[in-house]
Amino acid sequence: MIKVLIVDDEKPICDLIDLNLSASGYQCTAVQDGVEALRLIETQFFDLILLDIMLPGVDGYDIMGYIRPMDIPVIFITARHEVKDRVKGLRLGADDYLVKPFDVVELVARVEAVLRRYNKTERLLTAGDVTVDVEARRVTRAGRNVELTNKEFGLLVLFIQNKNVALFRETLYEKVWEGEYSGDSRTLDLHVQRLRRKLGWENNLVAVYKVGYRLEVAQ
């Protein structure tokens, strides 16, 4: 399992990130100060570090300088939005820079993108008796193959990567159809209905009023 270290002085943000990444299959450790972060980096292995800049003890820039020789991917997550701050973070060796407040779906997507560059992605995704082999684009349910269209497959991956998280219709459409959402949800609704039927998810893939859909699975 891919291990992620979350370093942010705001516990609610740590908890939010931890909740969503854990639901996507990552093993998360969260700390709120720079000194503790350095201690963990020295004593444990992490596949990815999500790093705030403004931290008590040791700031994120100094931590980045310590991490850089270790070849551990880092994404800065910070309230600092000015170009000079982004440039500084990237020049110090960060792989990406995400400004607060952020959408959790975007966060998960950026985490996946960085891990792909380091060949650290999980090949298999699971939800209940459904397993998705991302590289082979193969889906099984209770060991039996399930044939999905490309759009259905894209939706399934998004739902499993965001278990128990309500996803907006706009987000689903724009990420799977790769176009701007026009407000007509019939195409999306039809594909969701097909997924429910093919995977037996009539009670798991639920509509969220005025939002979109959520895949409900036991943690």
C-alpha atoms as a PDB file:
ATOM      1  CA  MET A   1       0.000   0.000   0.000  1.00  0.00           C
ATOM      2  CA  ILE A   2       1.255   3.470  -0.876  1.00  0.00           C
ATOM      3  CA  LYS A   3       2.222   5.479   2.224  1.00  0.00           C
ATOM      4  CA  VAL A   4       1.535   9.218   2.347  1.00  0.00           C
ATOM      5  CA  LEU A   5       2.783  11.708   4.942  1.00  0.00           C
ATOM      6  CA  ILE A   6       0.498  14.724   5.446  1.00  0.00           C
ATOM      7  CA  VAL A   7       2.160  17.746   7.071  1.00  0.00           C
ATOM      8  CA  ASP A   8      -0.161  20.672   7.862  1.00  0.00           C
ATOM      9  CA  ASP A   9      -0.591  22.766  11.008  1.00  0.00           C
ATOM     10  CA  GLU A  10      -4.387  22.763  10.626  1.00  0.00           C
ATOM     11  CA  LYS A  11      -5.770  19.491  11.981  1.00  0.00           C
ATOM     12  CA  PRO A  12      -9.136  19.775  10.131  1.00  0.00           C
ATOM     13  CA  ILE A  13      -7.236  19.936   6.825  1.00  0.00           C
ATOM     14  CA  CYS A  14      -5.091  16.951   7.831  1.00  0.00           C
ATOM     15  CA  ASP A  15      -8.245  15.035   8.734  1.00  0.00           C
ATOM     16  CA  LEU A  16      -9.946  15.969   5.450  1.00  0.00           C
ATOM     17  CA  ILE A  17      -6.966  14.844   3.368  1.00  0.00           C
ATOM     18  CA  ASP A  18      -6.513  11.691   5.453  1.00  0.00           C
ATOM     19  CA  LEU A  19     -10.194  10.768   5.076  1.00  0.00           C
ATOM     20  CA  ASN A  20     -10.224  11.139   1.313  1.00  0.00           C
ATOM     21  CA  LEU A  21      -6.856   9.558   0.557  1.00  0.00           C
ATOM     22  CA  SER A  22      -7.569   6.655   2.927  1.00  0.00           C
ATOM     23  CA  ALA A  23     -10.874   6.108   1.141  1.00  0.00           C
ATOM     24  CA  SER A  24      -8.893   5.942  -2.110  1.00  0.00           C
ATOM     25  CA  GLY A  25      -6.671   3.187  -0.740  1.00  0.00           C
ATOM     26  CA  TYR A  26      -3.660   5.109   0.586  1.00  0.00           C
ATOM     27  CA  GLN A  27      -2.078   4.622   4.023  1.00  0.00           C
ATOM     28  CA  CYS A  28      -1.822   8.062   5.609  1.00  0.00           C
ATOM     29  CA  THR A  29       0.107   9.545   8.522  1.00  0.00           C
ATOM     30  CA  ALA A  30      -0.618  13.147   9.527  1.00  0.00           C
ATOM     31  CA  VAL A  31       1.363  15.588  11.678  1.00  0.00           C
ATOM     32  CA  GLN A  32       0.917  19.280  12.477  1.00  0.00           C
ATOM     33  CA  ASP A  33       4.472  20.553  12.989  1.00  0.00           C
ATOM     34  CA  GLY A  34       7.727  20.547  11.093  1.00  0.00           C
ATOM     35  CA  VAL A  35       9.908  18.973  13.790  1.00  0.00           C
ATOM     36  CA  GLU A  36       7.669  15.905  14.049  1.00  0.00           C
ATOM     37  CA  ALA A  37       7.563  15.691  10.253  1.00  0.00           C
ATOM     38  CA  LEU A  38      11.367  15.558  10.080  1.00  0.00           C
ATOM     39  CA  ARG A  39      11.454  12.874  12.762  1.00  0.00           C
ATOM     40  CA  LEU A  40       9.061  10.696  10.778  1.00  0.00           C
ATOM     41  CA  ILE A  41      10.918  11.281   7.515  1.00  0.00           C
ATOM     42  CA  GLU A  42      14.138  10.172   9.219  1.00  0.00           C
ATOM     43  CA  THR A  43      12.655   7.011  10.745  1.00  0.00           C
ATOM     44  CA  GLN A  44       9.957   5.851   8.285  1.00  0.00           C
ATOM     45  CA  PHE A  45       9.510   5.357   4.546  1.00  0.00           C
ATOM     46  CA  PHE A  46       6.943   7.374   2.601  1.00  0.00           C
ATOM     47  CA  ASP A  47       5.995   7.203  -1.078  1.00  0.00           C
ATOM     48  CA  LEU A  48       4.674  10.788  -1.112  1.00  0.00           C
ATOM     49  CA  ILE A  49       4.671  13.830   1.156  1.00  0.00           C
ATOM     50  CA  LEU A  50       1.959  16.510   1.168  1.00  0.00           C
ATOM     51  CA  LEU A  51       3.632  19.541   2.710  1.00  0.00           C
ATOM     52  CA  ASP A  52       2.366  22.863   4.037  1.00  0.00           C
ATOM     53  CA  ILE A  53       4.769  25.831   4.017  1.00  0.00           C
ATOM     54  CA  MET A  54       3.797  27.695   7.189  1.00  0.00           C
ATOM     55  CA  LEU A  55       4.537  25.210   9.980  1.00  0.00           C
ATOM     56  CA  PRO A  56       5.605  25.532  13.619  1.00  0.00           C
ATOM     57  CA  GLY A  57       9.146  24.428  14.421  1.00  0.00           C
ATOM     58  CA  VAL A  58      10.520  24.039  10.891  1.00  0.00           C
ATOM     59  CA  ASP A  59       8.826  25.531   7.842  1.00  0.00           C
ATOM     60  CA  GLY A  60       7.982  23.645   4.668  1.00  0.00           C
ATOM     61  CA  TYR A  61      10.764  25.218   2.605  1.00  0.00           C
ATOM     62  CA  ASP A  62      13.408  23.959   5.043  1.00  0.00           C
ATOM     63  CA  ILE A  63      11.800  20.518   5.131  1.00  0.00           C
ATOM     64  CA  MET A  64      11.819  20.472   1.320  1.00  0.00           C
ATOM     65  CA  GLY A  65      15.558  21.152   1.351  1.00  0.00           C
ATOM     66  CA  TYR A  66      16.030  18.155   3.631  1.00  0.00           C
ATOM     67  CA  ILE A  67      13.794  15.888   1.513  1.00  0.00           C
ATOM     68  CA  ARG A  68      15.201  16.772  -1.907  1.00  0.00           C
ATOM     69  CA  PRO A  69      18.213  14.358  -1.884  1.00  0.00           C
ATOM     70  CA  MET A  70      15.873  11.475  -0.897  1.00  0.00           C
ATOM     71  CA  ASP A  71      13.963  11.478  -4.203  1.00  0.00           C
ATOM     72  CA  ILE A  72      10.592  11.427  -2.434  1.00  0.00           C
ATOM     73  CA  PRO A  73       7.793  13.126  -4.408  1.00  0.00           C
ATOM     74  CA  VAL A  74       6.377  16.213  -2.680  1.00  0.00           C
ATOM     75  CA  ILE A  75       3.247  18.282  -3.260  1.00  0.00           C
ATOM     76  CA  PHE A  76       3.089  21.653  -1.505  1.00  0.00           C
ATOM     77  CA  ILE A  77      -0.381  22.390  -0.079  1.00  0.00           C
ATOM     78  CA  THR A  78      -0.515  25.958   1.143  1.00  0.00           C
ATOM     79  CA  ALA A  79      -2.550  29.137   1.438  1.00  0.00           C
ATOM     80  CA  ARG A  80       0.272  31.065  -0.274  1.00  0.00           C
ATOM     81  CA  HIS A  81      -1.032  31.729  -3.761  1.00  0.00           C
ATOM     82  CA  GLU A  82       1.381  34.272  -5.211  1.00  0.00           C
ATOM     83  CA  VAL A  83       3.451  33.280  -8.225  1.00  0.00           C
ATOM     84  CA  LYS A  84       6.733  33.892  -6.384  1.00  0.00           C
ATOM     85  CA  ASP A  85       5.739  31.348  -3.723  1.00  0.00           C
ATOM     86  CA  ARG A  86       4.849  28.729  -6.344  1.00  0.00           C
ATOM     87  CA  VAL A  87       8.086  29.342  -8.204  1.00  0.00           C
ATOM     88  CA  LYS A  88      10.115  29.036  -5.007  1.00  0.00           C
ATOM     89  CA  GLY A  89       8.413  25.781  -4.058  1.00  0.00           C
ATOM     90  CA  LEU A  90       8.905  24.235  -7.486  1.00  0.00           C
ATOM     91  CA  ARG A  91      12.517  25.381  -7.718  1.00  0.00           C
ATOM     92  CA  LEU A  92      13.213  23.762  -4.351  1.00  0.00           C
ATOM     93  CA  GLY A  93      12.165  20.474  -5.932  1.00  0.00           C
ATOM     94  CA  ALA A  94       8.443  20.072  -5.257  1.00  0.00           C
ATOM     95  CA  ASP A  95       6.552  18.071  -7.874  1.00  0.00           C
ATOM     96  CA  ASP A  96       3.334  20.077  -7.627  1.00  0.00           C
ATOM     97  CA  TYR A  97       1.803  23.031  -5.767  1.00  0.00           C
ATOM     98  CA  LEU A  98      -1.840  23.135  -4.656  1.00  0.00           C
ATOM     99  CA  VAL A  99      -3.399  26.281  -3.163  1.00  0.00           C
ATOM    100  CA  LYS A 100      -5.945  26.185  -0.335  1.00  0.00           C
ATOM    101  CA  PRO A 101      -8.884  25.940  -0.411  1.00  0.00           C
ATOM    102  CA  PHE A 102      -8.868  23.019  -2.820  1.00  0.00           C
ATOM    103  CA  ASP A 103     -11.317  20.435  -4.141  1.00  0.00           C
ATOM    104  CA  VAL A 104     -10.602  16.978  -2.702  1.00  0.00           C
ATOM    105  CA  VAL A 105     -11.176  15.400  -6.120  1.00  0.00           C
ATOM    106  CA  GLU A 106      -8.463  17.631  -7.573  1.00  0.00           C
ATOM    107  CA  LEU A 107      -6.161  16.699  -4.693  1.00  0.00           C
ATOM    108  CA  VAL A 108      -6.617  12.975  -5.350  1.00  0.00           C
ATOM    109  CA  ALA A 109      -6.035  13.527  -9.081  1.00  0.00           C
ATOM    110  CA  ARG A 110      -2.811  15.449  -8.428  1.00  0.00           C
ATOM    111  CA  VAL A 111      -1.597  12.757  -6.033  1.00  0.00           C
ATOM    112  CA  GLU A 112      -2.233  10.113  -8.690  1.00  0.00           C
ATOM    113  CA  ALA A 113      -0.470  12.167 -11.369  1.00  0.00           C
ATOM    114  CA  VAL A 114       2.663  12.636  -9.265  1.00  0.00           C
ATOM    115  CA  LEU A 115       2.755   8.968  -8.253  1.00  0.00           C
ATOM    116  CA  ARG A 116       2.425   7.924 -11.897  1.00  0.00           C
ATOM    117  CA  ARG A 117       5.526   9.959 -12.746  1.00  0.00           C
ATOM    118  CA  TYR A 118       7.404   7.973 -10.108  1.00  0.00           C
ATOM    119  CA  ASN A 119       5.826   4.638 -11.161  1.00  0.00           C
ATOM    120  CA  LYS A 120       4.259   4.258  -7.717  1.00  0.00           C
ATOM    121  CA  THR A 121       0.594   3.878  -8.624  1.00  0.00           C
ATOM    122  CA  GLU A 122      -1.500   1.034  -7.297  1.00  0.00           C
ATOM    123  CA  ARG A 123      -2.413  -1.301 -10.140  1.00  0.00           C
ATOM    124  CA  LEU A 124      -5.533  -2.705  -8.481  1.00  0.00           C
ATOM    125  CA  LEU A 125      -8.507  -0.805  -7.065  1.00  0.00           C
ATOM    126  CA  THR A 126     -11.203  -2.552  -5.045  1.00  0.00           C
ATOM    127  CA  ALA A 127     -14.666  -1.819  -3.679  1.00  0.00           C
ATOM    128  CA  GLY A 128     -16.523  -4.719  -2.134  1.00  0.00           C
ATOM    129  CA  ASP A 129     -16.390  -7.661  -4.554  1.00  0.00           C
ATOM    130  CA  VAL A 130     -15.445  -5.387  -7.479  1.00  0.00           C
ATOM    131  CA  THR A 131     -11.803  -5.245  -8.571  1.00  0.00           C
ATOM    132  CA  VAL A 132     -10.357  -2.924 -11.208  1.00  0.00           C
ATOM    133  CA  ASP A 133      -7.024  -3.617 -12.897  1.00  0.00           C
ATOM    134  CA  VAL A 134      -6.208  -0.071 -14.011  1.00  0.00           C
ATOM    135  CA  GLU A 135      -3.347  -0.934 -16.362  1.00  0.00           C
ATOM    136  CA  ALA A 136      -5.139  -3.819 -18.072  1.00  0.00           C
ATOM    137  CA  ARG A 137      -8.486  -1.951 -17.971  1.00  0.00           C
ATOM    138  CA  ARG A 138     -10.116  -5.127 -16.651  1.00  0.00           C
ATOM    139  CA  VAL A 139     -13.029  -5.221 -14.207  1.00  0.00           C
ATOM    140  CA  THR A 140     -14.197  -8.249 -12.261  1.00  0.00           C
ATOM    141  CA  ARG A 141     -17.087  -8.771  -9.888  1.00  0.00           C
ATOM    142  CA  ALA A 142     -16.780 -11.748  -7.532  1.00  0.00           C
ATOM    143  CA  GLY A 143     -14.094 -13.065  -9.866  1.00  0.00           C
ATOM    144  CA  ARG A 144     -16.163 -12.777 -13.051  1.00  0.00           C
ATOM    145  CA  ASN A 145     -15.271 -10.364 -15.834  1.00  0.00           C
ATOM    146  CA  VAL A 146     -17.531  -7.352 -16.316  1.00  0.00           C
ATOM    147  CA  GLU A 147     -17.559  -5.641 -19.704  1.00  0.00           C
ATOM    148  CA  LEU A 148     -17.641  -1.844 -19.459  1.00  0.00           C
ATOM    149  CA  THR A 149     -17.464   0.905 -22.042  1.00  0.00           C
ATOM    150  CA  ASN A 150     -14.623   3.428 -21.814  1.00  0.00           C
ATOM    151  CA  LYS A 151     -16.891   6.000 -20.157  1.00  0.00           C
ATOM    152  CA  GLU A 152     -18.285   3.479 -17.691  1.00  0.00           C
ATOM    153  CA  PHE A 153     -14.731   2.426 -16.816  1.00  0.00           C
ATOM    154  CA  GLY A 154     -13.697   6.053 -16.276  1.00  0.00           C
ATOM    155  CA  LEU A 155     -16.654   6.661 -13.978  1.00  0.00           C
ATOM    156  CA  LEU A 156     -15.952   3.472 -12.030  1.00  0.00           C
ATOM    157  CA  VAL A 157     -12.337   4.443 -11.376  1.00  0.00           C
ATOM    158  CA  LEU A 158     -13.413   7.881 -10.146  1.00  0.00           C
ATOM    159  CA  PHE A 159     -16.041   6.422  -7.817  1.00  0.00           C
ATOM    160  CA  ILE A 160     -13.643   3.864  -6.310  1.00  0.00           C
ATOM    161  CA  GLN A 161     -10.903   6.458  -5.884  1.00  0.00           C
ATOM    162  CA  ASN A 162     -13.412   8.645  -4.004  1.00  0.00           C
ATOM    163  CA  LYS A 163     -15.328   6.105  -1.921  1.00  0.00           C
ATOM    164  CA  ASN A 164     -18.030   7.614   0.305  1.00  0.00           C
ATOM    165  CA  VAL A 165     -17.378  11.076  -1.154  1.00  0.00           C
ATOM    166  CA  ALA A 166     -20.149  12.967  -2.963  1.00  0.00           C
ATOM    167  CA  LEU A 167     -18.942  13.847  -6.469  1.00  0.00           C
ATOM    168  CA  PHE A 168     -20.500  16.727  -8.357  1.00  0.00           C
ATOM    169  CA  ARG A 169     -22.082  16.020 -11.738  1.00  0.00           C
ATOM    170  CA  GLU A 170     -19.857  18.718 -13.216  1.00  0.00           C
ATOM    171  CA  THR A 171     -16.734  16.988 -11.909  1.00  0.00           C
ATOM    172  CA  LEU A 172     -17.761  13.564 -13.179  1.00  0.00           C
ATOM    173  CA  TYR A 173     -18.674  14.848 -16.605  1.00  0.00           C
ATOM    174  CA  GLU A 174     -15.614  17.040 -17.087  1.00  0.00           C
ATOM    175  CA  LYS A 175     -13.170  14.344 -15.978  1.00  0.00           C
ATOM    176  CA  VAL A 176     -14.691  11.435 -17.904  1.00  0.00           C
ATOM    177  CA  TRP A 177     -16.011  13.197 -20.995  1.00  0.00           C
ATOM    178  CA  GLU A 178     -13.190  15.765 -20.917  1.00  0.00           C
ATOM    179  CA  GLY A 179     -15.469  18.615 -21.843  1.00  0.00           C
ATOM    180  CA  GLU A 180     -17.334  21.431 -20.162  1.00  0.00           C
ATOM    181  CA  TYR A 181     -20.543  20.376 -18.426  1.00  0.00           C
ATOM    182  CA  SER A 182     -23.560  21.878 -20.203  1.00  0.00           C
ATOM    183  CA  GLY A 183     -26.129  21.108 -17.508  1.00  0.00           C
ATOM    184  CA  ASP A 184     -27.726  18.184 -19.374  1.00  0.00           C
ATOM    185  CA  SER A 185     -27.184  15.187 -17.092  1.00  0.00           C
ATOM    186  CA  ARG A 186     -29.016  12.544 -19.140  1.00  0.00           C
ATOM    187  CA  THR A 187     -25.838  11.013 -20.578  1.00  0.00           C
ATOM    188  CA  LEU A 188     -24.177  10.832 -17.161  1.00  0.00           C
ATOM    189  CA  ASP A 189     -27.312   9.421 -15.505  1.00  0.00           C
ATOM    190  CA  LEU A 190     -27.598   6.716 -18.164  1.00  0.00           C
ATOM    191  CA  HIS A 191     -24.003   5.590 -17.640  1.00  0.00           C
ATOM    192  CA  VAL A 192     -24.467   5.527 -13.866  1.00  0.00           C
ATOM    193  CA  GLN A 193     -27.603   3.395 -14.269  1.00  0.00           C
ATOM    194  CA  ARG A 194     -25.652   0.929 -16.400  1.00  0.00           C
ATOM    195  CA  LEU A 195     -22.860   0.754 -13.812  1.00  0.00           C
ATOM    196  CA  ARG A 196     -25.388   0.018 -11.080  1.00  0.00           C
ATOM    197  CA  ARG A 197     -26.881  -2.819 -13.088  1.00  0.00           C
ATOM    198  CA  LYS A 198     -23.588  -4.367 -14.233  1.00  0.00           C
ATOM    199  CA  LEU A 199     -21.946  -4.230 -10.791  1.00  0.00           C
ATOM    200  CA  GLY A 200     -24.972  -4.864  -8.597  1.00  0.00           C
ATOM    201  CA  TRP A 201     -24.569  -1.452  -7.027  1.00  0.00           C
ATOM    202  CA  GLU A 202     -28.231  -0.430  -6.939  1.00  0.00           C
ATOM    203  CA  ASN A 203     -27.890   0.308  -3.201  1.00  0.00           C
ATOM    204  CA  ASN A 204     -24.274   1.493  -3.276  1.00  0.00           C
ATOM    205  CA  LEU A 205     -24.103   4.047  -6.068  1.00  0.00           C
ATOM    206  CA  VAL A 206     -26.523   6.618  -4.696  1.00  0.00           C
ATOM    207  CA  ALA A 207     -27.753   9.931  -6.022  1.00  0.00           C
ATOM    208  CA  VAL A 208     -26.986  12.965  -3.860  1.00  0.00           C
ATOM    209  CA  TYR A 209     -29.660  15.663  -4.161  1.00  0.00           C
ATOM    210  CA  LYS A 210     -28.458  18.750  -6.063  1.00  0.00           C
ATOM    211  CA  VAL A 211     -24.892  17.399  -6.095  1.00  0.00           C
ATOM    212  CA  GLY A 212     -24.324  14.212  -8.057  1.00  0.00           C
ATOM    213  CA  TYR A 213     -23.438  10.696  -6.951  1.00  0.00           C
ATOM    214  CA  ARG A 214     -21.640   8.891  -4.132  1.00  0.00           C
ATOM    215  CA  LEU A 215     -20.299   5.331  -3.946  1.00  0.00           C
ATOM    216  CA  GLU A 216     -21.163   4.042  -0.488  1.00  0.00           C
ATOM    217  CA  VAL A 217     -18.989   1.190   0.761  1.00  0.00           C
ATOM    218  CA  ALA A 218     -18.036  -0.097   4.196  1.00  0.00           C
ATOM    219  CA  GLN A 219     -14.696   1.200   5.460  1.00  0.00           C
END
